[in-house]
Amino acid sequence: MPWRGPRHENDFPSLGWALLDWWSEHLANPRDETQDLVFTDEQAETLVEWYAVHPVTGQMVYRRGASRRSKGRGKSPVEGG
């Protein structure tokens, strides 16, 4: 889908929204295989920002990333997906 332009301040194009939809439909919750994977708002924001796309060139904004967070902060679903 082409970039429609910003609707809000600090709005940017991202593949993260499509990835969140796909992962939510195709991946199971790691703690309960019968449940769908649901990302927290913070995890979803991180993924959307991580997969940002330049609005003019269409290239990925970030080529590499690192996450350093304390134990139990939900790193596995985000970085394992």
N, C-alpha and C. Protein backbone atom coordinates (compact mmCIF):
# COMPACT_ATOMS: atom_id res chain seq x y z
N MET A 1 0.84 -1.16 0.00
CA MET A 1 0.00 0.00 0.00
C MET A 1 0.90 1.24 0.00
N PRO A 2 0.61 2.20 -0.87
CA PRO A 2 1.45 3.41 -0.91
C PRO A 2 1.26 4.27 0.33
N TRP A 3 2.28 5.02 0.65
CA TRP A 3 2.24 5.93 1.79
C TRP A 3 1.26 7.04 1.48
N ARG A 4 0.30 7.24 2.34
CA ARG A 4 -0.77 8.21 2.15
C ARG A 4 -0.41 9.59 2.68
N GLY A 5 0.77 9.69 3.32
CA GLY A 5 1.16 10.94 3.94
C GLY A 5 0.78 10.95 5.40
N PRO A 6 1.42 11.79 6.19
CA PRO A 6 1.14 11.80 7.63
C PRO A 6 -0.25 12.33 7.95
N ARG A 7 -0.91 11.68 8.87
CA ARG A 7 -2.21 12.16 9.35
C ARG A 7 -2.07 12.81 10.72
N HIS A 8 -1.00 12.45 11.42
CA HIS A 8 -0.76 12.98 12.76
C HIS A 8 0.70 13.42 12.84
N GLU A 9 0.99 14.25 13.82
CA GLU A 9 2.36 14.66 14.04
C GLU A 9 3.21 13.43 14.36
N ASN A 10 4.41 13.38 13.84
CA ASN A 10 5.35 12.26 14.02
C ASN A 10 4.86 10.96 13.37
N ASP A 11 3.95 11.03 12.41
CA ASP A 11 3.46 9.86 11.69
C ASP A 11 4.49 9.45 10.64
N PHE A 12 4.70 8.15 10.44
CA PHE A 12 5.68 7.65 9.49
C PHE A 12 5.20 6.32 8.93
N PRO A 13 5.63 5.97 7.70
CA PRO A 13 5.24 4.67 7.15
C PRO A 13 6.03 3.55 7.81
N SER A 14 5.39 2.39 7.94
CA SER A 14 6.03 1.25 8.59
C SER A 14 5.42 -0.05 8.11
N LEU A 15 6.27 -1.05 7.96
CA LEU A 15 5.80 -2.40 7.67
C LEU A 15 5.35 -3.10 8.95
N GLY A 16 5.61 -2.48 10.07
CA GLY A 16 5.30 -3.08 11.37
C GLY A 16 3.84 -3.43 11.55
N TRP A 17 2.94 -2.61 11.01
CA TRP A 17 1.51 -2.89 11.18
C TRP A 17 1.12 -4.20 10.49
N ALA A 18 1.61 -4.41 9.29
CA ALA A 18 1.32 -5.65 8.56
C ALA A 18 1.94 -6.85 9.28
N LEU A 19 3.16 -6.67 9.78
CA LEU A 19 3.82 -7.76 10.50
C LEU A 19 3.07 -8.11 11.79
N LEU A 20 2.60 -7.11 12.51
CA LEU A 20 1.83 -7.38 13.73
C LEU A 20 0.57 -8.18 13.41
N ASP A 21 -0.12 -7.81 12.33
CA ASP A 21 -1.33 -8.55 11.93
C ASP A 21 -0.98 -10.00 11.59
N TRP A 22 0.08 -10.19 10.80
CA TRP A 22 0.46 -11.53 10.37
C TRP A 22 0.87 -12.38 11.56
N TRP A 23 1.75 -11.83 12.41
CA TRP A 23 2.21 -12.59 13.58
C TRP A 23 1.06 -12.94 14.51
N SER A 24 0.13 -12.02 14.70
CA SER A 24 -1.00 -12.28 15.59
C SER A 24 -1.88 -13.42 15.06
N GLU A 25 -1.97 -13.55 13.74
CA GLU A 25 -2.79 -14.60 13.14
C GLU A 25 -2.08 -15.94 13.06
N HIS A 26 -0.76 -15.93 12.89
CA HIS A 26 -0.04 -17.16 12.59
C HIS A 26 0.83 -17.70 13.72
N LEU A 27 1.07 -16.94 14.75
CA LEU A 27 1.91 -17.41 15.84
C LEU A 27 1.07 -17.61 17.10
N ALA A 28 1.41 -18.65 17.83
CA ALA A 28 0.69 -18.94 19.07
C ALA A 28 1.40 -18.28 20.25
N ASN A 29 0.65 -18.09 21.31
CA ASN A 29 1.20 -17.56 22.55
C ASN A 29 2.22 -18.56 23.08
N PRO A 30 3.45 -18.12 23.39
CA PRO A 30 4.46 -19.08 23.84
C PRO A 30 4.13 -19.76 25.17
N ARG A 31 3.29 -19.14 25.97
CA ARG A 31 2.94 -19.74 27.27
C ARG A 31 1.73 -20.66 27.17
N ASP A 32 0.87 -20.44 26.15
CA ASP A 32 -0.32 -21.26 25.98
C ASP A 32 -0.57 -21.41 24.49
N GLU A 33 -0.22 -22.55 23.94
CA GLU A 33 -0.29 -22.80 22.50
C GLU A 33 -1.71 -22.68 21.94
N THR A 34 -2.73 -22.77 22.79
CA THR A 34 -4.11 -22.68 22.31
C THR A 34 -4.55 -21.23 22.12
N GLN A 35 -3.78 -20.28 22.62
CA GLN A 35 -4.13 -18.85 22.52
C GLN A 35 -3.31 -18.17 21.43
N ASP A 36 -3.88 -17.14 20.83
CA ASP A 36 -3.16 -16.35 19.84
C ASP A 36 -2.11 -15.48 20.53
N LEU A 37 -1.09 -15.12 19.79
CA LEU A 37 -0.06 -14.22 20.30
C LEU A 37 -0.61 -12.79 20.27
N VAL A 38 -0.61 -12.13 21.42
CA VAL A 38 -1.09 -10.76 21.52
C VAL A 38 0.05 -9.91 22.07
N PHE A 39 0.41 -8.87 21.34
CA PHE A 39 1.49 -7.98 21.76
C PHE A 39 0.95 -6.89 22.66
N THR A 40 1.75 -6.46 23.63
CA THR A 40 1.37 -5.32 24.44
C THR A 40 1.52 -4.05 23.59
N ASP A 41 0.95 -2.97 24.05
CA ASP A 41 1.08 -1.70 23.31
C ASP A 41 2.54 -1.31 23.15
N GLU A 42 3.33 -1.51 24.20
CA GLU A 42 4.74 -1.15 24.16
C GLU A 42 5.50 -2.02 23.14
N GLN A 43 5.20 -3.31 23.11
CA GLN A 43 5.84 -4.20 22.15
C GLN A 43 5.44 -3.82 20.72
N ALA A 44 4.17 -3.51 20.52
CA ALA A 44 3.69 -3.13 19.18
C ALA A 44 4.35 -1.83 18.72
N GLU A 45 4.45 -0.85 19.60
CA GLU A 45 5.12 0.41 19.24
C GLU A 45 6.57 0.18 18.84
N THR A 46 7.26 -0.67 19.58
CA THR A 46 8.65 -0.99 19.27
C THR A 46 8.77 -1.61 17.88
N LEU A 47 7.89 -2.55 17.57
CA LEU A 47 7.94 -3.21 16.26
C LEU A 47 7.61 -2.25 15.12
N VAL A 48 6.62 -1.40 15.33
CA VAL A 48 6.25 -0.44 14.29
C VAL A 48 7.41 0.51 14.02
N GLU A 49 8.07 0.98 15.07
CA GLU A 49 9.21 1.88 14.88
C GLU A 49 10.40 1.14 14.26
N TRP A 50 10.60 -0.12 14.65
CA TRP A 50 11.71 -0.92 14.16
C TRP A 50 11.62 -1.14 12.65
N TYR A 51 10.41 -1.31 12.14
CA TYR A 51 10.19 -1.57 10.72
C TYR A 51 9.75 -0.32 9.96
N ALA A 52 10.21 0.84 10.40
CA ALA A 52 9.89 2.10 9.72
C ALA A 52 10.49 2.12 8.31
N VAL A 53 9.75 2.74 7.39
CA VAL A 53 10.17 2.84 6.00
C VAL A 53 10.29 4.32 5.64
N HIS A 54 11.34 4.68 4.88
CA HIS A 54 11.50 6.07 4.45
C HIS A 54 10.35 6.42 3.51
N PRO A 55 9.65 7.54 3.73
CA PRO A 55 8.46 7.86 2.94
C PRO A 55 8.73 8.15 1.46
N VAL A 56 9.95 8.54 1.11
CA VAL A 56 10.25 8.88 -0.28
C VAL A 56 10.91 7.71 -1.00
N THR A 57 11.96 7.15 -0.39
CA THR A 57 12.73 6.10 -1.07
C THR A 57 12.13 4.71 -0.88
N GLY A 58 11.34 4.50 0.17
CA GLY A 58 10.76 3.19 0.44
C GLY A 58 11.73 2.22 1.07
N GLN A 59 12.93 2.69 1.42
CA GLN A 59 13.92 1.82 2.05
C GLN A 59 13.71 1.79 3.56
N MET A 60 14.16 0.70 4.15
CA MET A 60 14.07 0.58 5.60
C MET A 60 14.90 1.67 6.25
N VAL A 61 14.37 2.28 7.30
CA VAL A 61 15.08 3.34 8.01
C VAL A 61 16.21 2.76 8.85
N TYR A 62 15.94 1.62 9.50
CA TYR A 62 16.93 1.01 10.38
C TYR A 62 17.39 -0.31 9.77
N ARG A 63 18.70 -0.49 9.69
CA ARG A 63 19.25 -1.75 9.17
C ARG A 63 19.59 -2.72 10.30
N ARG A 64 19.83 -2.20 11.48
CA ARG A 64 20.18 -3.02 12.63
C ARG A 64 19.47 -2.49 13.85
N GLY A 65 19.36 -3.34 14.85
CA GLY A 65 18.75 -2.89 16.09
C GLY A 65 19.23 -3.74 17.25
N ALA A 66 19.12 -3.21 18.40
CA ALA A 66 19.48 -3.93 19.62
C ALA A 66 18.50 -3.56 20.71
N SER A 67 18.21 -4.51 21.54
CA SER A 67 17.29 -4.26 22.64
C SER A 67 17.91 -4.77 23.93
N ARG A 68 18.01 -3.89 24.88
CA ARG A 68 18.54 -4.27 26.20
C ARG A 68 17.48 -3.93 27.22
N ARG A 69 16.84 -4.95 27.71
CA ARG A 69 15.79 -4.75 28.70
C ARG A 69 15.94 -5.79 29.79
N SER A 70 15.38 -5.51 30.93
CA SER A 70 15.51 -6.43 32.05
C SER A 70 14.68 -7.69 31.84
N LYS A 71 14.98 -8.70 32.62
CA LYS A 71 14.30 -9.99 32.54
C LYS A 71 12.81 -9.80 32.81
N GLY A 72 12.00 -10.49 32.01
CA GLY A 72 10.56 -10.45 32.22
C GLY A 72 9.86 -9.28 31.57
N ARG A 73 10.52 -8.56 30.68
CA ARG A 73 9.92 -7.38 30.06
C ARG A 73 9.36 -7.65 28.67
N GLY A 74 9.19 -8.92 28.28
CA GLY A 74 8.55 -9.26 27.02
C GLY A 74 9.44 -9.13 25.81
N LYS A 75 10.71 -9.45 25.95
CA LYS A 75 11.63 -9.36 24.81
C LYS A 75 11.39 -10.52 23.84
N SER A 76 11.11 -11.69 24.32
CA SER A 76 11.03 -12.88 23.47
C SER A 76 10.01 -12.77 22.33
N PRO A 77 8.77 -12.37 22.58
CA PRO A 77 7.82 -12.28 21.46
C PRO A 77 8.23 -11.25 20.41
N VAL A 78 8.87 -10.19 20.83
CA VAL A 78 9.24 -9.12 19.91
C VAL A 78 10.46 -9.53 19.09
N GLU A 79 11.48 -10.00 19.73
CA GLU A 79 12.72 -10.29 19.02
C GLU A 79 12.78 -11.70 18.47
N GLY A 80 11.92 -12.56 18.93
CA GLY A 80 11.88 -13.91 18.40
C GLY A 80 10.99 -14.03 17.17
N GLY A 81 10.13 -13.01 16.95
CA GLY A 81 9.19 -13.04 15.82
C GLY A 81 9.85 -12.69 14.59
